[in-house]
Amino acid sequence: MKGKFGPTVLGTDNVMMAAVLADGVTIIEGAACEPEVVDLANFLNKMGAKIEGAGTDRIVVEGVPELHGAVHRVIPDRLKQARFW
């Protein structure tokens, strides 16, 4: 998911979410490595997804027939926590 300005978090997240319910295996090369991508992968895995490599530039997603509910605490927003004043 590497664009001309580098990896994109939202692009990586969107492909990862779509790949979870797709048939077969999806490999995301040039994936974003930010904590938000890792957190989404952890959440999806709790729901029954099969995602490996989150946090690296290569994520492998094996499609599953369905997801189920899960309890997950979302990580804090890093930009909101930054003190600019």
PDB file of N, CA and C in Angstrom:
ATOM      1  N   MET A   1       0.831  -1.188   0.000  1.00  0.00           N
ATOM      2  CA  MET A   1       0.000   0.000   0.000  1.00  0.00           C
ATOM      3  C   MET A   1       0.873   1.247   0.000  1.00  0.00           C
ATOM      4  N   LYS A   2       1.963   1.182  -0.674  1.00  0.00           N
ATOM      5  CA  LYS A   2       2.890   2.302  -0.697  1.00  0.00           C
ATOM      6  C   LYS A   2       2.539   3.228  -1.857  1.00  0.00           C
ATOM      7  N   GLY A   3       2.181   4.453  -1.528  1.00  0.00           N
ATOM      8  CA  GLY A   3       1.915   5.459  -2.542  1.00  0.00           C
ATOM      9  C   GLY A   3       3.185   6.247  -2.828  1.00  0.00           C
ATOM     10  N   LYS A   4       3.066   7.292  -3.601  1.00  0.00           N
ATOM     11  CA  LYS A   4       4.267   8.064  -3.944  1.00  0.00           C
ATOM     12  C   LYS A   4       4.835   8.805  -2.740  1.00  0.00           C
ATOM     13  N   PHE A   5       4.058   8.928  -1.664  1.00  0.00           N
ATOM     14  CA  PHE A   5       4.528   9.588  -0.446  1.00  0.00           C
ATOM     15  C   PHE A   5       4.827   8.594   0.672  1.00  0.00           C
ATOM     16  N   GLY A   6       4.835   7.302   0.359  1.00  0.00           N
ATOM     17  CA  GLY A   6       5.115   6.275   1.357  1.00  0.00           C
ATOM     18  C   GLY A   6       3.883   5.461   1.684  1.00  0.00           C
ATOM     19  N   PRO A   7       4.005   4.587   2.678  1.00  0.00           N
ATOM     20  CA  PRO A   7       2.876   3.729   3.056  1.00  0.00           C
ATOM     21  C   PRO A   7       1.703   4.540   3.601  1.00  0.00           C
ATOM     22  N   THR A   8       0.507   4.057   3.387  1.00  0.00           N
ATOM     23  CA  THR A   8      -0.692   4.737   3.868  1.00  0.00           C
ATOM     24  C   THR A   8      -1.407   3.869   4.911  1.00  0.00           C
ATOM     25  N   VAL A   9      -1.650   4.457   6.066  1.00  0.00           N
ATOM     26  CA  VAL A   9      -2.322   3.741   7.154  1.00  0.00           C
ATOM     27  C   VAL A   9      -3.745   3.380   6.736  1.00  0.00           C
ATOM     28  N   LEU A  10      -4.496   4.342   6.238  1.00  0.00           N
ATOM     29  CA  LEU A  10      -5.889   4.074   5.871  1.00  0.00           C
ATOM     30  C   LEU A  10      -5.977   3.072   4.719  1.00  0.00           C
ATOM     31  N   GLY A  11      -5.075   3.174   3.759  1.00  0.00           N
ATOM     32  CA  GLY A  11      -5.060   2.212   2.663  1.00  0.00           C
ATOM     33  C   GLY A  11      -4.773   0.810   3.164  1.00  0.00           C
ATOM     34  N   THR A  12      -3.786   0.680   4.055  1.00  0.00           N
ATOM     35  CA  THR A  12      -3.457  -0.621   4.632  1.00  0.00           C
ATOM     36  C   THR A  12      -4.648  -1.165   5.409  1.00  0.00           C
ATOM     37  N   ASP A  13      -5.272  -0.316   6.224  1.00  0.00           N
ATOM     38  CA  ASP A  13      -6.439  -0.742   7.008  1.00  0.00           C
ATOM     39  C   ASP A  13      -7.577  -1.211   6.115  1.00  0.00           C
ATOM     40  N   ASN A  14      -7.875  -0.455   5.052  1.00  0.00           N
ATOM     41  CA  ASN A  14      -8.984  -0.815   4.165  1.00  0.00           C
ATOM     42  C   ASN A  14      -8.751  -2.145   3.470  1.00  0.00           C
ATOM     43  N   VAL A  15      -7.540  -2.354   2.951  1.00  0.00           N
ATOM     44  CA  VAL A  15      -7.254  -3.615   2.267  1.00  0.00           C
ATOM     45  C   VAL A  15      -7.280  -4.770   3.263  1.00  0.00           C
ATOM     46  N   MET A  16      -6.745  -4.536   4.461  1.00  0.00           N
ATOM     47  CA  MET A  16      -6.729  -5.584   5.480  1.00  0.00           C
ATOM     48  C   MET A  16      -8.158  -5.993   5.850  1.00  0.00           C
ATOM     49  N   MET A  17      -9.046  -5.011   6.039  1.00  0.00           N
ATOM     50  CA  MET A  17     -10.430  -5.327   6.403  1.00  0.00           C
ATOM     51  C   MET A  17     -11.149  -6.074   5.275  1.00  0.00           C
ATOM     52  N   ALA A  18     -10.917  -5.666   4.040  1.00  0.00           N
ATOM     53  CA  ALA A  18     -11.553  -6.349   2.908  1.00  0.00           C
ATOM     54  C   ALA A  18     -11.009  -7.774   2.764  1.00  0.00           C
ATOM     55  N   ALA A  19      -9.707  -7.937   2.963  1.00  0.00           N
ATOM     56  CA  ALA A  19      -9.065  -9.242   2.776  1.00  0.00           C
ATOM     57  C   ALA A  19      -9.502 -10.265   3.807  1.00  0.00           C
ATOM     58  N   VAL A  20      -9.916  -9.810   4.971  1.00  0.00           N
ATOM     59  CA  VAL A  20     -10.319 -10.732   6.044  1.00  0.00           C
ATOM     60  C   VAL A  20     -11.462 -11.634   5.600  1.00  0.00           C
ATOM     61  N   LEU A  21     -12.397 -11.112   4.840  1.00  0.00           N
ATOM     62  CA  LEU A  21     -13.551 -11.901   4.410  1.00  0.00           C
ATOM     63  C   LEU A  21     -13.458 -12.346   2.950  1.00  0.00           C
ATOM     64  N   ALA A  22     -12.339 -12.054   2.299  1.00  0.00           N
ATOM     65  CA  ALA A  22     -12.149 -12.474   0.910  1.00  0.00           C
ATOM     66  C   ALA A  22     -11.679 -13.936   0.866  1.00  0.00           C
ATOM     67  N   ASP A  23     -11.920 -14.595  -0.243  1.00  0.00           N
ATOM     68  CA  ASP A  23     -11.435 -15.967  -0.426  1.00  0.00           C
ATOM     69  C   ASP A  23      -9.927 -15.956  -0.633  1.00  0.00           C
ATOM     70  N   GLY A  24      -9.249 -16.935  -0.063  1.00  0.00           N
ATOM     71  CA  GLY A  24      -7.823 -17.099  -0.297  1.00  0.00           C
ATOM     72  C   GLY A  24      -6.951 -16.251   0.612  1.00  0.00           C
ATOM     73  N   VAL A  25      -5.712 -16.078   0.168  1.00  0.00           N
ATOM     74  CA  VAL A  25      -4.709 -15.346   0.945  1.00  0.00           C
ATOM     75  C   VAL A  25      -4.390 -14.039   0.236  1.00  0.00           C
ATOM     76  N   THR A  26      -4.341 -12.963   0.988  1.00  0.00           N
ATOM     77  CA  THR A  26      -3.960 -11.651   0.469  1.00  0.00           C
ATOM     78  C   THR A  26      -2.662 -11.245   1.136  1.00  0.00           C
ATOM     79  N   ILE A  27      -1.697 -10.816   0.344  1.00  0.00           N
ATOM     80  CA  ILE A  27      -0.427 -10.328   0.872  1.00  0.00           C
ATOM     81  C   ILE A  27      -0.345  -8.830   0.585  1.00  0.00           C
ATOM     82  N   ILE A  28      -0.159  -8.053   1.620  1.00  0.00           N
ATOM     83  CA  ILE A  28      -0.032  -6.608   1.488  1.00  0.00           C
ATOM     84  C   ILE A  28       1.452  -6.270   1.617  1.00  0.00           C
ATOM     85  N   GLU A  29       2.068  -5.876   0.507  1.00  0.00           N
ATOM     86  CA  GLU A  29       3.475  -5.466   0.488  1.00  0.00           C
ATOM     87  C   GLU A  29       3.532  -3.946   0.627  1.00  0.00           C
ATOM     88  N   GLY A  30       4.521  -3.438   1.338  1.00  0.00           N
ATOM     89  CA  GLY A  30       4.639  -1.998   1.532  1.00  0.00           C
ATOM     90  C   GLY A  30       3.585  -1.467   2.485  1.00  0.00           C
ATOM     91  N   ALA A  31       3.151  -2.316   3.414  1.00  0.00           N
ATOM     92  CA  ALA A  31       2.108  -1.936   4.363  1.00  0.00           C
ATOM     93  C   ALA A  31       2.620  -0.894   5.352  1.00  0.00           C
ATOM     94  N   ALA A  32       1.712  -0.079   5.850  1.00  0.00           N
ATOM     95  CA  ALA A  32       2.048   0.862   6.922  1.00  0.00           C
ATOM     96  C   ALA A  32       2.313   0.063   8.191  1.00  0.00           C
ATOM     97  N   CYS A  33       3.237   0.549   9.013  1.00  0.00           N
ATOM     98  CA  CYS A  33       3.656  -0.180  10.219  1.00  0.00           C
ATOM     99  C   CYS A  33       3.200   0.502  11.508  1.00  0.00           C
ATOM    100  N   GLU A  34       2.402   1.528  11.410  1.00  0.00           N
ATOM    101  CA  GLU A  34       1.989   2.310  12.576  1.00  0.00           C
ATOM    102  C   GLU A  34       1.201   1.483  13.583  1.00  0.00           C
ATOM    103  N   PRO A  35       1.209   1.929  14.855  1.00  0.00           N
ATOM    104  CA  PRO A  35       0.484   1.209  15.904  1.00  0.00           C
ATOM    105  C   PRO A  35      -1.010   1.047  15.618  1.00  0.00           C
ATOM    106  N   GLU A  36      -1.594   1.975  14.882  1.00  0.00           N
ATOM    107  CA  GLU A  36      -3.020   1.875  14.568  1.00  0.00           C
ATOM    108  C   GLU A  36      -3.309   0.665  13.673  1.00  0.00           C
ATOM    109  N   VAL A  37      -2.391   0.338  12.768  1.00  0.00           N
ATOM    110  CA  VAL A  37      -2.550  -0.838  11.909  1.00  0.00           C
ATOM    111  C   VAL A  37      -2.455  -2.105  12.758  1.00  0.00           C
ATOM    112  N   VAL A  38      -1.488  -2.125  13.662  1.00  0.00           N
ATOM    113  CA  VAL A  38      -1.330  -3.275  14.556  1.00  0.00           C
ATOM    114  C   VAL A  38      -2.572  -3.449  15.423  1.00  0.00           C
ATOM    115  N   ASP A  39      -3.108  -2.345  15.942  1.00  0.00           N
ATOM    116  CA  ASP A  39      -4.291  -2.416  16.792  1.00  0.00           C
ATOM    117  C   ASP A  39      -5.494  -2.958  16.031  1.00  0.00           C
ATOM    118  N   LEU A  40      -5.679  -2.504  14.799  1.00  0.00           N
ATOM    119  CA  LEU A  40      -6.790  -3.024  13.987  1.00  0.00           C
ATOM    120  C   LEU A  40      -6.608  -4.512  13.729  1.00  0.00           C
ATOM    121  N   ALA A  41      -5.382  -4.935  13.416  1.00  0.00           N
ATOM    122  CA  ALA A  41      -5.123  -6.360  13.184  1.00  0.00           C
ATOM    123  C   ALA A  41      -5.413  -7.170  14.441  1.00  0.00           C
ATOM    124  N   ASN A  42      -5.020  -6.663  15.594  1.00  0.00           N
ATOM    125  CA  ASN A  42      -5.308  -7.358  16.856  1.00  0.00           C
ATOM    126  C   ASN A  42      -6.808  -7.497  17.072  1.00  0.00           C
ATOM    127  N   PHE A  43      -7.550  -6.435  16.800  1.00  0.00           N
ATOM    128  CA  PHE A  43      -9.005  -6.463  16.946  1.00  0.00           C
ATOM    129  C   PHE A  43      -9.624  -7.480  15.987  1.00  0.00           C
ATOM    130  N   LEU A  44      -9.232  -7.426  14.727  1.00  0.00           N
ATOM    131  CA  LEU A  44      -9.776  -8.369  13.747  1.00  0.00           C
ATOM    132  C   LEU A  44      -9.425  -9.806  14.106  1.00  0.00           C
ATOM    133  N   ASN A  45      -8.202 -10.041  14.594  1.00  0.00           N
ATOM    134  CA  ASN A  45      -7.817 -11.394  15.015  1.00  0.00           C
ATOM    135  C   ASN A  45      -8.679 -11.871  16.184  1.00  0.00           C
ATOM    136  N   LYS A  46      -9.012 -10.984  17.105  1.00  0.00           N
ATOM    137  CA  LYS A  46      -9.913 -11.357  18.209  1.00  0.00           C
ATOM    138  C   LYS A  46     -11.284 -11.763  17.680  1.00  0.00           C
ATOM    139  N   MET A  47     -11.664 -11.196  16.522  1.00  0.00           N
ATOM    140  CA  MET A  47     -12.967 -11.491  15.921  1.00  0.00           C
ATOM    141  C   MET A  47     -12.930 -12.734  15.041  1.00  0.00           C
ATOM    142  N   GLY A  48     -11.773 -13.386  14.937  1.00  0.00           N
ATOM    143  CA  GLY A  48     -11.673 -14.611  14.165  1.00  0.00           C
ATOM    144  C   GLY A  48     -10.878 -14.492  12.881  1.00  0.00           C
ATOM    145  N   ALA A  49     -10.314 -13.322  12.609  1.00  0.00           N
ATOM    146  CA  ALA A  49      -9.486 -13.148  11.409  1.00  0.00           C
ATOM    147  C   ALA A  49      -8.161 -13.882  11.575  1.00  0.00           C
ATOM    148  N   LYS A  50      -7.463 -14.047  10.467  1.00  0.00           N
ATOM    149  CA  LYS A  50      -6.140 -14.683  10.480  1.00  0.00           C
ATOM    150  C   LYS A  50      -5.157 -13.728   9.805  1.00  0.00           C
ATOM    151  N   ILE A  51      -4.575 -12.851  10.610  1.00  0.00           N
ATOM    152  CA  ILE A  51      -3.667 -11.820  10.102  1.00  0.00           C
ATOM    153  C   ILE A  51      -2.313 -11.990  10.769  1.00  0.00           C
ATOM    154  N   GLU A  52      -1.273 -12.008   9.955  1.00  0.00           N
ATOM    155  CA  GLU A  52       0.101 -12.099  10.459  1.00  0.00           C
ATOM    156  C   GLU A  52       0.933 -10.975   9.855  1.00  0.00           C
ATOM    157  N   GLY A  53       1.901 -10.497  10.609  1.00  0.00           N
ATOM    158  CA  GLY A  53       2.846  -9.515  10.093  1.00  0.00           C
ATOM    159  C   GLY A  53       2.475  -8.078  10.344  1.00  0.00           C
ATOM    160  N   ALA A  54       1.387  -7.816  11.057  1.00  0.00           N
ATOM    161  CA  ALA A  54       1.025  -6.422  11.348  1.00  0.00           C
ATOM    162  C   ALA A  54       2.163  -5.775  12.132  1.00  0.00           C
ATOM    163  N   GLY A  55       2.524  -4.567  11.744  1.00  0.00           N
ATOM    164  CA  GLY A  55       3.652  -3.881  12.344  1.00  0.00           C
ATOM    165  C   GLY A  55       4.901  -3.992  11.484  1.00  0.00           C
ATOM    166  N   THR A  56       4.804  -4.793  10.410  1.00  0.00           N
ATOM    167  CA  THR A  56       5.897  -4.900   9.444  1.00  0.00           C
ATOM    168  C   THR A  56       5.386  -4.397   8.096  1.00  0.00           C
ATOM    169  N   ASP A  57       6.255  -4.334   7.110  1.00  0.00           N
ATOM    170  CA  ASP A  57       5.815  -3.845   5.799  1.00  0.00           C
ATOM    171  C   ASP A  57       5.203  -4.956   4.929  1.00  0.00           C
ATOM    172  N   ARG A  58       5.038  -6.155   5.514  1.00  0.00           N
ATOM    173  CA  ARG A  58       4.409  -7.274   4.779  1.00  0.00           C
ATOM    174  C   ARG A  58       3.380  -7.944   5.684  1.00  0.00           C
ATOM    175  N   ILE A  59       2.115  -7.799   5.332  1.00  0.00           N
ATOM    176  CA  ILE A  59       1.021  -8.376   6.108  1.00  0.00           C
ATOM    177  C   ILE A  59       0.376  -9.482   5.276  1.00  0.00           C
ATOM    178  N   VAL A  60       0.156 -10.630   5.900  1.00  0.00           N
ATOM    179  CA  VAL A  60      -0.490 -11.763   5.234  1.00  0.00           C
ATOM    180  C   VAL A  60      -1.851 -11.979   5.898  1.00  0.00           C
ATOM    181  N   VAL A  61      -2.890 -11.974   5.081  1.00  0.00           N
ATOM    182  CA  VAL A  61      -4.260 -12.148   5.578  1.00  0.00           C
ATOM    183  C   VAL A  61      -4.861 -13.370   4.897  1.00  0.00           C
ATOM    184  N   GLU A  62      -5.272 -14.331   5.705  1.00  0.00           N
ATOM    185  CA  GLU A  62      -5.980 -15.501   5.187  1.00  0.00           C
ATOM    186  C   GLU A  62      -7.467 -15.266   5.390  1.00  0.00           C
ATOM    187  N   GLY A  63      -8.215 -15.277   4.314  1.00  0.00           N
ATOM    188  CA  GLY A  63      -9.643 -15.017   4.399  1.00  0.00           C
ATOM    189  C   GLY A  63     -10.379 -16.050   5.234  1.00  0.00           C
ATOM    190  N   VAL A  64     -11.386 -15.591   5.962  1.00  0.00           N
ATOM    191  CA  VAL A  64     -12.233 -16.471   6.771  1.00  0.00           C
ATOM    192  C   VAL A  64     -13.680 -16.280   6.338  1.00  0.00           C
ATOM    193  N   PRO A  65     -14.548 -17.280   6.584  1.00  0.00           N
ATOM    194  CA  PRO A  65     -15.943 -17.170   6.141  1.00  0.00           C
ATOM    195  C   PRO A  65     -16.743 -16.108   6.886  1.00  0.00           C
ATOM    196  N   GLU A  66     -16.406 -15.891   8.164  1.00  0.00           N
ATOM    197  CA  GLU A  66     -17.165 -14.909   8.946  1.00  0.00           C
ATOM    198  C   GLU A  66     -16.363 -14.472  10.161  1.00  0.00           C
ATOM    199  N   LEU A  67     -16.781 -13.360  10.735  1.00  0.00           N
ATOM    200  CA  LEU A  67     -16.193 -12.845  11.967  1.00  0.00           C
ATOM    201  C   LEU A  67     -17.239 -12.912  13.071  1.00  0.00           C
ATOM    202  N   HIS A  68     -16.788 -12.854  14.305  1.00  0.00           N
ATOM    203  CA  HIS A  68     -17.714 -12.833  15.442  1.00  0.00           C
ATOM    204  C   HIS A  68     -17.369 -11.629  16.321  1.00  0.00           C
ATOM    205  N   GLY A  69     -18.213 -11.346  17.272  1.00  0.00           N
ATOM    206  CA  GLY A  69     -17.993 -10.213  18.156  1.00  0.00           C
ATOM    207  C   GLY A  69     -16.772 -10.412  19.048  1.00  0.00           C
ATOM    208  N   ALA A  70     -16.260  -9.301  19.562  1.00  0.00           N
ATOM    209  CA  ALA A  70     -15.109  -9.357  20.457  1.00  0.00           C
ATOM    210  C   ALA A  70     -15.069  -8.080  21.286  1.00  0.00           C
ATOM    211  N   VAL A  71     -14.419  -8.176  22.416  1.00  0.00           N
ATOM    212  CA  VAL A  71     -14.198  -7.004  23.261  1.00  0.00           C
ATOM    213  C   VAL A  71     -12.776  -6.524  23.005  1.00  0.00           C
ATOM    214  N   HIS A  72     -12.629  -5.222  22.767  1.00  0.00           N
ATOM    215  CA  HIS A  72     -11.312  -4.673  22.452  1.00  0.00           C
ATOM    216  C   HIS A  72     -11.245  -3.223  22.917  1.00  0.00           C
ATOM    217  N   ARG A  73     -10.146  -2.868  23.522  1.00  0.00           N
ATOM    218  CA  ARG A  73      -9.921  -1.471  23.904  1.00  0.00           C
ATOM    219  C   ARG A  73      -9.019  -0.836  22.851  1.00  0.00           C
ATOM    220  N   VAL A  74      -9.545   0.178  22.182  1.00  0.00           N
ATOM    221  CA  VAL A  74      -8.816   0.855  21.117  1.00  0.00           C
ATOM    222  C   VAL A  74      -7.690   1.692  21.731  1.00  0.00           C
ATOM    223  N   ILE A  75      -6.530   1.708  21.062  1.00  0.00           N
ATOM    224  CA  ILE A  75      -5.411   2.493  21.574  1.00  0.00           C
ATOM    225  C   ILE A  75      -5.743   3.986  21.481  1.00  0.00           C
ATOM    226  N   PRO A  76      -5.142   4.796  22.345  1.00  0.00           N
ATOM    227  CA  PRO A  76      -5.396   6.242  22.291  1.00  0.00           C
ATOM    228  C   PRO A  76      -4.875   6.846  20.986  1.00  0.00           C
ATOM    229  N   ASP A  77      -5.455   7.943  20.592  1.00  0.00           N
ATOM    230  CA  ASP A  77      -5.032   8.668  19.397  1.00  0.00           C
ATOM    231  C   ASP A  77      -3.695   9.349  19.680  1.00  0.00           C
ATOM    232  N   ARG A  78      -2.668   8.993  18.929  1.00  0.00           N
ATOM    233  CA  ARG A  78      -1.339   9.561  19.174  1.00  0.00           C
ATOM    234  C   ARG A  78      -1.282  11.046  18.885  1.00  0.00           C
ATOM    235  N   LEU A  79      -2.016  11.516  17.870  1.00  0.00           N
ATOM    236  CA  LEU A  79      -1.989  12.939  17.534  1.00  0.00           C
ATOM    237  C   LEU A  79      -2.733  13.770  18.565  1.00  0.00           C
ATOM    238  N   LYS A  80      -3.817  13.242  19.075  1.00  0.00           N
ATOM    239  CA  LYS A  80      -4.593  13.958  20.089  1.00  0.00           C
ATOM    240  C   LYS A  80      -3.787  14.095  21.378  1.00  0.00           C
ATOM    241  N   GLN A  81      -2.970  13.086  21.688  1.00  0.00           N
ATOM    242  CA  GLN A  81      -2.192  13.110  22.917  1.00  0.00           C
ATOM    243  C   GLN A  81      -1.001  14.059  22.828  1.00  0.00           C
ATOM    244  N   ALA A  82      -0.540  14.343  21.605  1.00  0.00           N
ATOM    245  CA  ALA A  82       0.638  15.206  21.455  1.00  0.00           C
ATOM    246  C   ALA A  82       0.309  16.622  21.956  1.00  0.00           C
ATOM    247  N   ARG A  83       1.245  17.215  22.620  1.00  0.00           N
ATOM    248  CA  ARG A  83       1.040  18.573  23.156  1.00  0.00           C
ATOM    249  C   ARG A  83       1.686  19.575  22.203  1.00  0.00           C
ATOM    250  N   PHE A  84       0.847  20.350  21.531  1.00  0.00           N
ATOM    251  CA  PHE A  84       1.357  21.340  20.589  1.00  0.00           C
ATOM    252  C   PHE A  84       1.364  22.745  21.182  1.00  0.00           C
ATOM    253  N   TRP A  85       0.946  22.891  22.434  1.00  0.00           N
ATOM    254  CA  TRP A  85       0.892  24.226  23.029  1.00  0.00           C
ATOM    255  C   TRP A  85       1.686  24.307  24.263  1.00  0.00           C
TER     256      TRP A  85
END
